[in-house]
Amino acid sequence: MTAALGGPAGKALAGIDRVAGWAVIAAACAMTAIVFTQVVLRYGFNTSIDWAEEVARLTFVWFMFLAVPLGVRGGAHIGIEFVMNAFPEVLRQVLPRLMAGLSAFLMGVVCWHSVVLLVGQWDENLPTLEVSVGWFMLPIAIGAAHSILHLVAIAVAGAPRHDLLSAE
C-alpha cells in the first residue's frame, strides 16, 4: 500500500511502518519474557515481581495499538465482501475510498481524545512504578495517527490489493 503512494510520502510511510513493526516485535517479546518470568517465579519459586503485571499490560497496549496501522495498511481488518460484491462496479471502486476517509476522521477523534487523556493523566503514576499512567495513552495516540496516514493513503490511492485464500 505504501508503494501506491510513491515518492517521498510513500518512502516516509514505509519507514514509519518499519519502525512500528520493530516496536511491535520488541513489545511482544518484552511482554512474553515478563509473563514467562513471572509464571516461573510464581509457580516454581513461590515469589513474584511486583511490577510485572503492570509492565506486561503496558507492553500489551503498546503491542496492540502499534500493530493496528500495520493491519490497516494491508487491508487485514474485517470487511464484508459479499455486501460489496452486491454493489455495481462504480460503487465498489468509490466506497473503499469513502470509508477510508470516514475512518481517518474517526481515527482523528480517537487520536485527539487520547492526547487529551494523556495530558490529563500525565502527572498520575502507576501504583508499582514511578511511571506516568499517560504511557498507556501514548500508543493509542501514535497508533491512531499512524492509522490516519494509511487511511488517507487508501482514500487517495485506493484500497490495497490482496489475494484472499479460499476456505474451500
N, C-alpha and C. Protein backbone atom coordinates (compact mmCIF):
# COMPACT_ATOMS: atom_id res chain seq x y z
N MET A 1 0.82 -1.20 0.00
CA MET A 1 0.00 0.00 0.00
C MET A 1 0.86 1.24 0.00
N THR A 2 1.92 1.25 0.78
CA THR A 2 2.75 2.44 0.82
C THR A 2 3.40 2.69 -0.53
N ALA A 3 3.65 1.62 -1.30
CA ALA A 3 4.23 1.79 -2.63
C ALA A 3 3.26 2.51 -3.56
N ALA A 4 1.95 2.37 -3.33
CA ALA A 4 0.96 3.03 -4.16
C ALA A 4 1.06 4.55 -4.05
N LEU A 5 1.53 5.03 -2.92
CA LEU A 5 1.70 6.47 -2.77
C LEU A 5 2.83 6.97 -3.65
N GLY A 6 3.92 6.24 -3.65
CA GLY A 6 5.08 6.64 -4.42
C GLY A 6 5.76 7.87 -3.82
N GLY A 7 6.92 8.17 -4.34
CA GLY A 7 7.65 9.35 -3.93
C GLY A 7 8.04 9.37 -2.47
N PRO A 8 8.37 10.57 -1.98
CA PRO A 8 8.82 10.72 -0.60
C PRO A 8 7.77 10.32 0.43
N ALA A 9 6.50 10.57 0.13
CA ALA A 9 5.43 10.22 1.09
C ALA A 9 5.37 8.71 1.28
N GLY A 10 5.46 7.96 0.20
CA GLY A 10 5.44 6.51 0.30
C GLY A 10 6.65 5.98 1.04
N LYS A 11 7.82 6.57 0.77
CA LYS A 11 9.04 6.14 1.46
C LYS A 11 8.98 6.48 2.95
N ALA A 12 8.45 7.65 3.27
CA ALA A 12 8.34 8.04 4.68
C ALA A 12 7.38 7.11 5.42
N LEU A 13 6.25 6.80 4.79
CA LEU A 13 5.28 5.92 5.42
C LEU A 13 5.84 4.51 5.57
N ALA A 14 6.60 4.05 4.58
CA ALA A 14 7.25 2.73 4.68
C ALA A 14 8.26 2.72 5.82
N GLY A 15 8.97 3.82 6.01
CA GLY A 15 9.91 3.92 7.14
C GLY A 15 9.19 3.89 8.48
N ILE A 16 8.09 4.60 8.57
CA ILE A 16 7.29 4.57 9.80
C ILE A 16 6.78 3.16 10.06
N ASP A 17 6.37 2.47 9.00
CA ASP A 17 5.90 1.09 9.14
C ASP A 17 7.00 0.17 9.66
N ARG A 18 8.23 0.35 9.16
CA ARG A 18 9.35 -0.48 9.63
C ARG A 18 9.61 -0.25 11.11
N VAL A 19 9.63 1.01 11.53
CA VAL A 19 9.84 1.33 12.95
C VAL A 19 8.72 0.73 13.79
N ALA A 20 7.49 0.89 13.34
CA ALA A 20 6.34 0.34 14.07
C ALA A 20 6.43 -1.18 14.14
N GLY A 21 6.82 -1.82 13.05
CA GLY A 21 6.95 -3.27 13.03
C GLY A 21 7.97 -3.76 14.05
N TRP A 22 9.13 -3.09 14.10
CA TRP A 22 10.15 -3.48 15.08
C TRP A 22 9.69 -3.19 16.50
N ALA A 23 8.96 -2.10 16.70
CA ALA A 23 8.43 -1.78 18.04
C ALA A 23 7.41 -2.82 18.48
N VAL A 24 6.58 -3.28 17.54
CA VAL A 24 5.60 -4.33 17.85
C VAL A 24 6.32 -5.61 18.27
N ILE A 25 7.35 -5.97 17.52
CA ILE A 25 8.13 -7.17 17.86
C ILE A 25 8.77 -7.03 19.23
N ALA A 26 9.37 -5.87 19.49
CA ALA A 26 10.02 -5.64 20.79
C ALA A 26 9.01 -5.70 21.94
N ALA A 27 7.85 -5.09 21.76
CA ALA A 27 6.83 -5.10 22.81
C ALA A 27 6.31 -6.51 23.05
N ALA A 28 6.09 -7.27 21.97
CA ALA A 28 5.61 -8.65 22.13
C ALA A 28 6.66 -9.51 22.84
N CYS A 29 7.92 -9.34 22.48
CA CYS A 29 8.99 -10.10 23.13
C CYS A 29 9.11 -9.73 24.61
N ALA A 30 9.05 -8.44 24.91
CA ALA A 30 9.14 -7.99 26.30
C ALA A 30 7.97 -8.53 27.11
N MET A 31 6.78 -8.43 26.56
CA MET A 31 5.60 -8.92 27.26
C MET A 31 5.71 -10.42 27.52
N THR A 32 6.11 -11.17 26.52
CA THR A 32 6.26 -12.62 26.67
C THR A 32 7.30 -12.97 27.72
N ALA A 33 8.44 -12.29 27.67
CA ALA A 33 9.52 -12.56 28.63
C ALA A 33 9.09 -12.24 30.06
N ILE A 34 8.40 -11.13 30.23
CA ILE A 34 7.95 -10.73 31.57
C ILE A 34 6.92 -11.72 32.12
N VAL A 35 5.94 -12.08 31.30
CA VAL A 35 4.90 -13.00 31.75
C VAL A 35 5.51 -14.38 32.03
N PHE A 36 6.40 -14.84 31.15
CA PHE A 36 7.05 -16.13 31.37
C PHE A 36 7.85 -16.14 32.68
N THR A 37 8.63 -15.09 32.88
CA THR A 37 9.41 -14.99 34.11
C THR A 37 8.51 -14.95 35.33
N GLN A 38 7.44 -14.20 35.26
CA GLN A 38 6.50 -14.10 36.38
C GLN A 38 5.88 -15.46 36.71
N VAL A 39 5.49 -16.22 35.69
CA VAL A 39 4.90 -17.54 35.91
C VAL A 39 5.92 -18.49 36.53
N VAL A 40 7.15 -18.48 36.02
CA VAL A 40 8.20 -19.35 36.57
C VAL A 40 8.47 -19.00 38.02
N LEU A 41 8.59 -17.71 38.31
CA LEU A 41 8.85 -17.30 39.69
C LEU A 41 7.69 -17.65 40.62
N ARG A 42 6.46 -17.42 40.14
CA ARG A 42 5.29 -17.65 41.00
C ARG A 42 5.10 -19.14 41.28
N TYR A 43 5.13 -19.96 40.25
CA TYR A 43 4.83 -21.38 40.45
C TYR A 43 6.06 -22.22 40.76
N GLY A 44 7.23 -21.74 40.37
CA GLY A 44 8.44 -22.51 40.63
C GLY A 44 9.12 -22.15 41.93
N PHE A 45 9.03 -20.87 42.32
CA PHE A 45 9.78 -20.40 43.48
C PHE A 45 8.92 -19.70 44.53
N ASN A 46 7.60 -19.68 44.30
CA ASN A 46 6.65 -19.08 45.24
C ASN A 46 6.98 -17.61 45.56
N THR A 47 7.40 -16.89 44.54
CA THR A 47 7.67 -15.46 44.67
C THR A 47 7.19 -14.77 43.40
N SER A 48 7.27 -13.47 43.35
CA SER A 48 6.85 -12.76 42.14
C SER A 48 7.56 -11.42 42.04
N ILE A 49 7.38 -10.78 40.90
CA ILE A 49 7.91 -9.44 40.65
C ILE A 49 6.74 -8.47 40.81
N ASP A 50 6.88 -7.49 41.68
CA ASP A 50 5.79 -6.55 41.96
C ASP A 50 5.28 -5.83 40.71
N TRP A 51 6.17 -5.42 39.86
CA TRP A 51 5.82 -4.59 38.72
C TRP A 51 5.49 -5.37 37.46
N ALA A 52 5.59 -6.69 37.50
CA ALA A 52 5.46 -7.49 36.27
C ALA A 52 4.10 -7.35 35.59
N GLU A 53 3.03 -7.36 36.34
CA GLU A 53 1.70 -7.28 35.72
C GLU A 53 1.47 -5.94 35.04
N GLU A 54 1.90 -4.86 35.69
CA GLU A 54 1.71 -3.53 35.07
C GLU A 54 2.55 -3.37 33.82
N VAL A 55 3.79 -3.84 33.87
CA VAL A 55 4.66 -3.71 32.69
C VAL A 55 4.15 -4.62 31.57
N ALA A 56 3.67 -5.81 31.90
CA ALA A 56 3.11 -6.71 30.88
C ALA A 56 1.88 -6.07 30.23
N ARG A 57 1.02 -5.45 31.04
CA ARG A 57 -0.15 -4.75 30.48
C ARG A 57 0.27 -3.59 29.60
N LEU A 58 1.26 -2.85 30.06
CA LEU A 58 1.74 -1.71 29.29
C LEU A 58 2.33 -2.15 27.95
N THR A 59 3.14 -3.19 27.96
CA THR A 59 3.72 -3.68 26.70
C THR A 59 2.63 -4.26 25.79
N PHE A 60 1.59 -4.86 26.37
CA PHE A 60 0.48 -5.36 25.57
C PHE A 60 -0.24 -4.21 24.86
N VAL A 61 -0.48 -3.13 25.56
CA VAL A 61 -1.14 -1.97 24.96
C VAL A 61 -0.29 -1.41 23.82
N TRP A 62 1.02 -1.28 24.06
CA TRP A 62 1.91 -0.80 23.00
C TRP A 62 1.90 -1.75 21.81
N PHE A 63 1.97 -3.05 22.08
CA PHE A 63 1.96 -4.07 21.04
C PHE A 63 0.70 -3.95 20.18
N MET A 64 -0.44 -3.88 20.80
CA MET A 64 -1.71 -3.88 20.07
C MET A 64 -1.93 -2.59 19.27
N PHE A 65 -1.72 -1.45 19.90
CA PHE A 65 -2.05 -0.20 19.22
C PHE A 65 -1.02 0.19 18.16
N LEU A 66 0.20 -0.27 18.29
CA LEU A 66 1.17 -0.02 17.22
C LEU A 66 0.98 -0.98 16.06
N ALA A 67 0.32 -2.11 16.30
CA ALA A 67 0.06 -3.09 15.24
C ALA A 67 -1.17 -2.73 14.40
N VAL A 68 -2.10 -1.97 14.95
CA VAL A 68 -3.33 -1.63 14.23
C VAL A 68 -3.05 -1.00 12.86
N PRO A 69 -2.18 0.02 12.77
CA PRO A 69 -1.95 0.63 11.45
C PRO A 69 -1.32 -0.33 10.45
N LEU A 70 -0.56 -1.31 10.93
CA LEU A 70 0.04 -2.28 10.02
C LEU A 70 -1.05 -3.17 9.42
N GLY A 71 -2.09 -3.44 10.19
CA GLY A 71 -3.24 -4.17 9.65
C GLY A 71 -4.04 -3.31 8.68
N VAL A 72 -4.18 -2.04 9.00
CA VAL A 72 -4.88 -1.11 8.10
C VAL A 72 -4.15 -1.04 6.76
N ARG A 73 -2.85 -0.98 6.81
CA ARG A 73 -2.02 -0.89 5.60
C ARG A 73 -2.30 -2.04 4.64
N GLY A 74 -2.39 -3.24 5.18
CA GLY A 74 -2.56 -4.42 4.34
C GLY A 74 -4.00 -4.84 4.12
N GLY A 75 -4.94 -4.08 4.63
CA GLY A 75 -6.34 -4.45 4.48
C GLY A 75 -6.70 -5.70 5.27
N ALA A 76 -6.04 -5.91 6.39
CA ALA A 76 -6.22 -7.13 7.17
C ALA A 76 -7.39 -7.07 8.15
N HIS A 77 -8.05 -5.95 8.25
CA HIS A 77 -9.15 -5.85 9.18
C HIS A 77 -10.44 -6.35 8.55
N ILE A 78 -11.41 -6.56 9.37
CA ILE A 78 -12.65 -7.19 8.95
C ILE A 78 -13.35 -6.36 7.87
N GLY A 79 -13.77 -7.05 6.85
CA GLY A 79 -14.55 -6.44 5.78
C GLY A 79 -15.68 -7.38 5.40
N ILE A 80 -16.71 -6.85 4.82
CA ILE A 80 -17.85 -7.66 4.42
C ILE A 80 -17.89 -7.65 2.90
N GLU A 81 -17.18 -8.59 2.31
CA GLU A 81 -17.02 -8.59 0.86
C GLU A 81 -18.29 -8.98 0.12
N PHE A 82 -19.09 -9.87 0.70
CA PHE A 82 -20.29 -10.27 -0.03
C PHE A 82 -21.25 -9.10 -0.19
N VAL A 83 -21.23 -8.14 0.73
CA VAL A 83 -22.06 -6.95 0.60
C VAL A 83 -21.48 -6.06 -0.51
N MET A 84 -20.15 -5.91 -0.50
CA MET A 84 -19.50 -5.10 -1.53
C MET A 84 -19.74 -5.67 -2.93
N ASN A 85 -19.73 -6.99 -3.04
CA ASN A 85 -19.93 -7.63 -4.34
C ASN A 85 -21.33 -7.43 -4.88
N ALA A 86 -22.28 -7.06 -4.03
CA ALA A 86 -23.65 -6.80 -4.47
C ALA A 86 -23.80 -5.43 -5.13
N PHE A 87 -22.84 -4.55 -4.91
CA PHE A 87 -22.90 -3.20 -5.47
C PHE A 87 -22.37 -3.18 -6.90
N PRO A 88 -22.80 -2.19 -7.68
CA PRO A 88 -22.23 -2.04 -9.02
C PRO A 88 -20.72 -1.70 -8.94
N GLU A 89 -20.01 -1.96 -10.02
CA GLU A 89 -18.55 -1.78 -10.06
C GLU A 89 -18.12 -0.36 -9.67
N VAL A 90 -18.88 0.63 -10.10
CA VAL A 90 -18.54 2.03 -9.78
C VAL A 90 -18.52 2.24 -8.27
N LEU A 91 -19.53 1.75 -7.58
CA LEU A 91 -19.58 1.89 -6.13
C LEU A 91 -18.47 1.09 -5.45
N ARG A 92 -18.14 -0.08 -6.01
CA ARG A 92 -17.06 -0.89 -5.43
C ARG A 92 -15.71 -0.19 -5.51
N GLN A 93 -15.58 0.72 -6.45
CA GLN A 93 -14.34 1.49 -6.56
C GLN A 93 -14.34 2.70 -5.61
N VAL A 94 -15.52 3.30 -5.41
CA VAL A 94 -15.62 4.53 -4.63
C VAL A 94 -15.76 4.26 -3.13
N LEU A 95 -16.53 3.25 -2.75
CA LEU A 95 -16.82 3.02 -1.33
C LEU A 95 -15.58 2.78 -0.46
N PRO A 96 -14.60 1.99 -0.89
CA PRO A 96 -13.42 1.81 -0.02
C PRO A 96 -12.71 3.13 0.26
N ARG A 97 -12.65 4.00 -0.73
CA ARG A 97 -12.01 5.30 -0.53
C ARG A 97 -12.83 6.18 0.40
N LEU A 98 -14.13 6.16 0.22
CA LEU A 98 -15.02 6.94 1.09
C LEU A 98 -14.93 6.43 2.53
N MET A 99 -14.98 5.11 2.70
CA MET A 99 -14.89 4.52 4.04
C MET A 99 -13.53 4.81 4.68
N ALA A 100 -12.47 4.80 3.88
CA ALA A 100 -11.14 5.13 4.40
C ALA A 100 -11.11 6.58 4.89
N GLY A 101 -11.73 7.47 4.13
CA GLY A 101 -11.80 8.87 4.55
C GLY A 101 -12.57 9.05 5.84
N LEU A 102 -13.72 8.38 5.95
CA LEU A 102 -14.50 8.45 7.18
C LEU A 102 -13.76 7.81 8.35
N SER A 103 -13.08 6.71 8.08
CA SER A 103 -12.29 6.05 9.13
C SER A 103 -11.14 6.94 9.58
N ALA A 104 -10.53 7.66 8.65
CA ALA A 104 -9.45 8.59 9.02
C ALA A 104 -9.99 9.67 9.95
N PHE A 105 -11.19 10.16 9.65
CA PHE A 105 -11.82 11.16 10.53
C PHE A 105 -12.04 10.58 11.93
N LEU A 106 -12.59 9.36 12.01
CA LEU A 106 -12.83 8.73 13.31
C LEU A 106 -11.52 8.47 14.05
N MET A 107 -10.48 8.07 13.34
CA MET A 107 -9.17 7.89 13.98
C MET A 107 -8.64 9.23 14.48
N GLY A 108 -8.98 10.30 13.78
CA GLY A 108 -8.60 11.63 14.26
C GLY A 108 -9.26 11.95 15.59
N VAL A 109 -10.53 11.56 15.73
CA VAL A 109 -11.23 11.75 17.01
C VAL A 109 -10.57 10.92 18.11
N VAL A 110 -10.23 9.66 17.79
CA VAL A 110 -9.56 8.79 18.76
C VAL A 110 -8.21 9.39 19.15
N CYS A 111 -7.46 9.86 18.16
CA CYS A 111 -6.15 10.46 18.43
C CYS A 111 -6.28 11.68 19.33
N TRP A 112 -7.20 12.55 18.99
CA TRP A 112 -7.41 13.77 19.76
C TRP A 112 -7.75 13.46 21.22
N HIS A 113 -8.70 12.58 21.43
CA HIS A 113 -9.13 12.27 22.79
C HIS A 113 -8.06 11.51 23.57
N SER A 114 -7.28 10.69 22.89
CA SER A 114 -6.20 10.01 23.61
C SER A 114 -5.12 11.01 24.04
N VAL A 115 -4.87 12.02 23.23
CA VAL A 115 -3.91 13.07 23.62
C VAL A 115 -4.46 13.87 24.79
N VAL A 116 -5.75 14.18 24.76
CA VAL A 116 -6.37 14.91 25.87
C VAL A 116 -6.23 14.09 27.17
N LEU A 117 -6.53 12.80 27.10
CA LEU A 117 -6.38 11.94 28.28
C LEU A 117 -4.92 11.82 28.71
N LEU A 118 -4.03 11.71 27.75
CA LEU A 118 -2.60 11.60 28.05
C LEU A 118 -2.13 12.81 28.83
N VAL A 119 -2.48 13.98 28.36
CA VAL A 119 -2.08 15.21 29.05
C VAL A 119 -2.72 15.29 30.43
N GLY A 120 -3.99 14.91 30.53
CA GLY A 120 -4.70 14.98 31.81
C GLY A 120 -4.19 13.99 32.85
N GLN A 121 -3.64 12.87 32.39
CA GLN A 121 -3.20 11.83 33.32
C GLN A 121 -1.68 11.78 33.50
N TRP A 122 -0.97 12.63 32.83
CA TRP A 122 0.49 12.52 32.84
C TRP A 122 1.09 12.63 34.24
N ASP A 123 0.47 13.39 35.13
CA ASP A 123 1.03 13.55 36.48
C ASP A 123 0.64 12.43 37.44
N GLU A 124 -0.18 11.47 36.98
CA GLU A 124 -0.53 10.30 37.81
C GLU A 124 0.46 9.18 37.52
N ASN A 125 0.92 8.51 38.58
CA ASN A 125 1.85 7.40 38.41
C ASN A 125 1.16 6.06 38.59
N LEU A 126 1.74 5.04 37.97
CA LEU A 126 1.27 3.67 38.18
C LEU A 126 1.55 3.27 39.62
N PRO A 127 0.75 2.39 40.20
CA PRO A 127 0.92 2.04 41.62
C PRO A 127 2.28 1.44 41.98
N THR A 128 2.83 0.59 41.11
CA THR A 128 4.08 -0.10 41.48
C THR A 128 5.32 0.49 40.82
N LEU A 129 5.13 1.45 39.94
CA LEU A 129 6.27 2.06 39.23
C LEU A 129 6.19 3.57 39.33
N GLU A 130 7.32 4.21 39.22
CA GLU A 130 7.35 5.67 39.14
C GLU A 130 7.27 6.09 37.68
N VAL A 131 6.20 5.63 37.02
CA VAL A 131 5.98 5.89 35.59
C VAL A 131 4.57 6.43 35.43
N SER A 132 4.42 7.38 34.54
CA SER A 132 3.13 8.02 34.32
C SER A 132 2.10 7.06 33.73
N VAL A 133 0.86 7.22 34.15
CA VAL A 133 -0.26 6.49 33.58
C VAL A 133 -0.44 6.89 32.11
N GLY A 134 0.05 8.06 31.75
CA GLY A 134 -0.03 8.53 30.38
C GLY A 134 0.64 7.62 29.37
N TRP A 135 1.57 6.78 29.82
CA TRP A 135 2.23 5.84 28.91
C TRP A 135 1.26 4.81 28.36
N PHE A 136 0.08 4.65 29.00
CA PHE A 136 -0.95 3.79 28.44
C PHE A 136 -1.71 4.49 27.31
N MET A 137 -1.75 5.81 27.32
CA MET A 137 -2.47 6.56 26.29
C MET A 137 -1.59 6.88 25.08
N LEU A 138 -0.29 6.98 25.29
CA LEU A 138 0.61 7.36 24.20
C LEU A 138 0.55 6.41 23.01
N PRO A 139 0.55 5.08 23.18
CA PRO A 139 0.48 4.23 21.99
C PRO A 139 -0.85 4.34 21.26
N ILE A 140 -1.91 4.71 21.96
CA ILE A 140 -3.20 4.91 21.30
C ILE A 140 -3.11 6.10 20.37
N ALA A 141 -2.52 7.19 20.85
CA ALA A 141 -2.35 8.39 20.01
C ALA A 141 -1.43 8.10 18.82
N ILE A 142 -0.32 7.41 19.08
CA ILE A 142 0.62 7.09 18.00
C ILE A 142 -0.03 6.17 16.97
N GLY A 143 -0.69 5.11 17.45
CA GLY A 143 -1.34 4.17 16.54
C GLY A 143 -2.45 4.83 15.74
N ALA A 144 -3.21 5.71 16.36
CA ALA A 144 -4.28 6.41 15.64
C ALA A 144 -3.70 7.34 14.58
N ALA A 145 -2.65 8.08 14.93
CA ALA A 145 -2.02 8.98 13.96
C ALA A 145 -1.43 8.19 12.79
N HIS A 146 -0.78 7.08 13.09
CA HIS A 146 -0.20 6.23 12.04
C HIS A 146 -1.31 5.64 11.17
N SER A 147 -2.42 5.24 11.79
CA SER A 147 -3.56 4.71 11.03
C SER A 147 -4.14 5.78 10.11
N ILE A 148 -4.20 7.01 10.58
CA ILE A 148 -4.70 8.12 9.75
C ILE A 148 -3.87 8.22 8.48
N LEU A 149 -2.55 8.10 8.60
CA LEU A 149 -1.69 8.19 7.42
C LEU A 149 -2.05 7.11 6.40
N HIS A 150 -2.25 5.88 6.87
CA HIS A 150 -2.60 4.79 5.95
C HIS A 150 -4.00 4.97 5.38
N LEU A 151 -4.93 5.42 6.21
CA LEU A 151 -6.29 5.60 5.73
C LEU A 151 -6.38 6.72 4.69
N VAL A 152 -5.62 7.78 4.89
CA VAL A 152 -5.57 8.85 3.89
C VAL A 152 -4.93 8.33 2.61
N ALA A 153 -3.89 7.51 2.73
CA ALA A 153 -3.26 6.91 1.55
C ALA A 153 -4.25 6.04 0.79
N ILE A 154 -5.07 5.28 1.52
CA ILE A 154 -6.09 4.45 0.88
C ILE A 154 -7.15 5.33 0.21
N ALA A 155 -7.55 6.41 0.89
CA ALA A 155 -8.54 7.32 0.31
C ALA A 155 -8.02 7.96 -0.97
N VAL A 156 -6.73 8.22 -1.02
CA VAL A 156 -6.14 8.87 -2.20
C VAL A 156 -5.80 7.86 -3.29
N ALA A 157 -5.10 6.78 -2.92
CA ALA A 157 -4.57 5.85 -3.92
C ALA A 157 -5.45 4.62 -4.14
N GLY A 158 -6.41 4.40 -3.30
CA GLY A 158 -7.26 3.21 -3.42
C GLY A 158 -6.88 2.15 -2.41
N ALA A 159 -7.77 1.21 -2.24
CA ALA A 159 -7.58 0.14 -1.27
C ALA A 159 -6.47 -0.80 -1.71
N PRO A 160 -5.77 -1.40 -0.73
CA PRO A 160 -4.71 -2.35 -1.10
C PRO A 160 -5.31 -3.59 -1.75
N ARG A 161 -4.57 -4.12 -2.71
CA ARG A 161 -4.98 -5.36 -3.36
C ARG A 161 -4.40 -6.52 -2.59
N HIS A 162 -5.20 -7.49 -2.27
CA HIS A 162 -4.69 -8.68 -1.61
C HIS A 162 -5.48 -9.89 -2.09
N ASP A 163 -4.79 -10.99 -2.16
CA ASP A 163 -5.41 -12.24 -2.56
C ASP A 163 -5.90 -12.97 -1.33
N LEU A 164 -7.17 -13.24 -1.29
CA LEU A 164 -7.72 -13.99 -0.17
C LEU A 164 -7.65 -15.48 -0.48
N LEU A 165 -7.21 -16.23 0.51
CA LEU A 165 -7.16 -17.68 0.35
C LEU A 165 -8.56 -18.24 0.53
N SER A 166 -8.94 -19.11 -0.34
CA SER A 166 -10.26 -19.71 -0.24
C SER A 166 -10.27 -20.80 0.81
N ALA A 167 -11.35 -20.90 1.53
CA ALA A 167 -11.50 -21.93 2.56
C ALA A 167 -12.02 -23.23 1.96
N GLU A 168 -12.27 -23.23 0.67
CA GLU A 168 -12.81 -24.44 0.02
C GLU A 168 -11.76 -25.48 -0.19
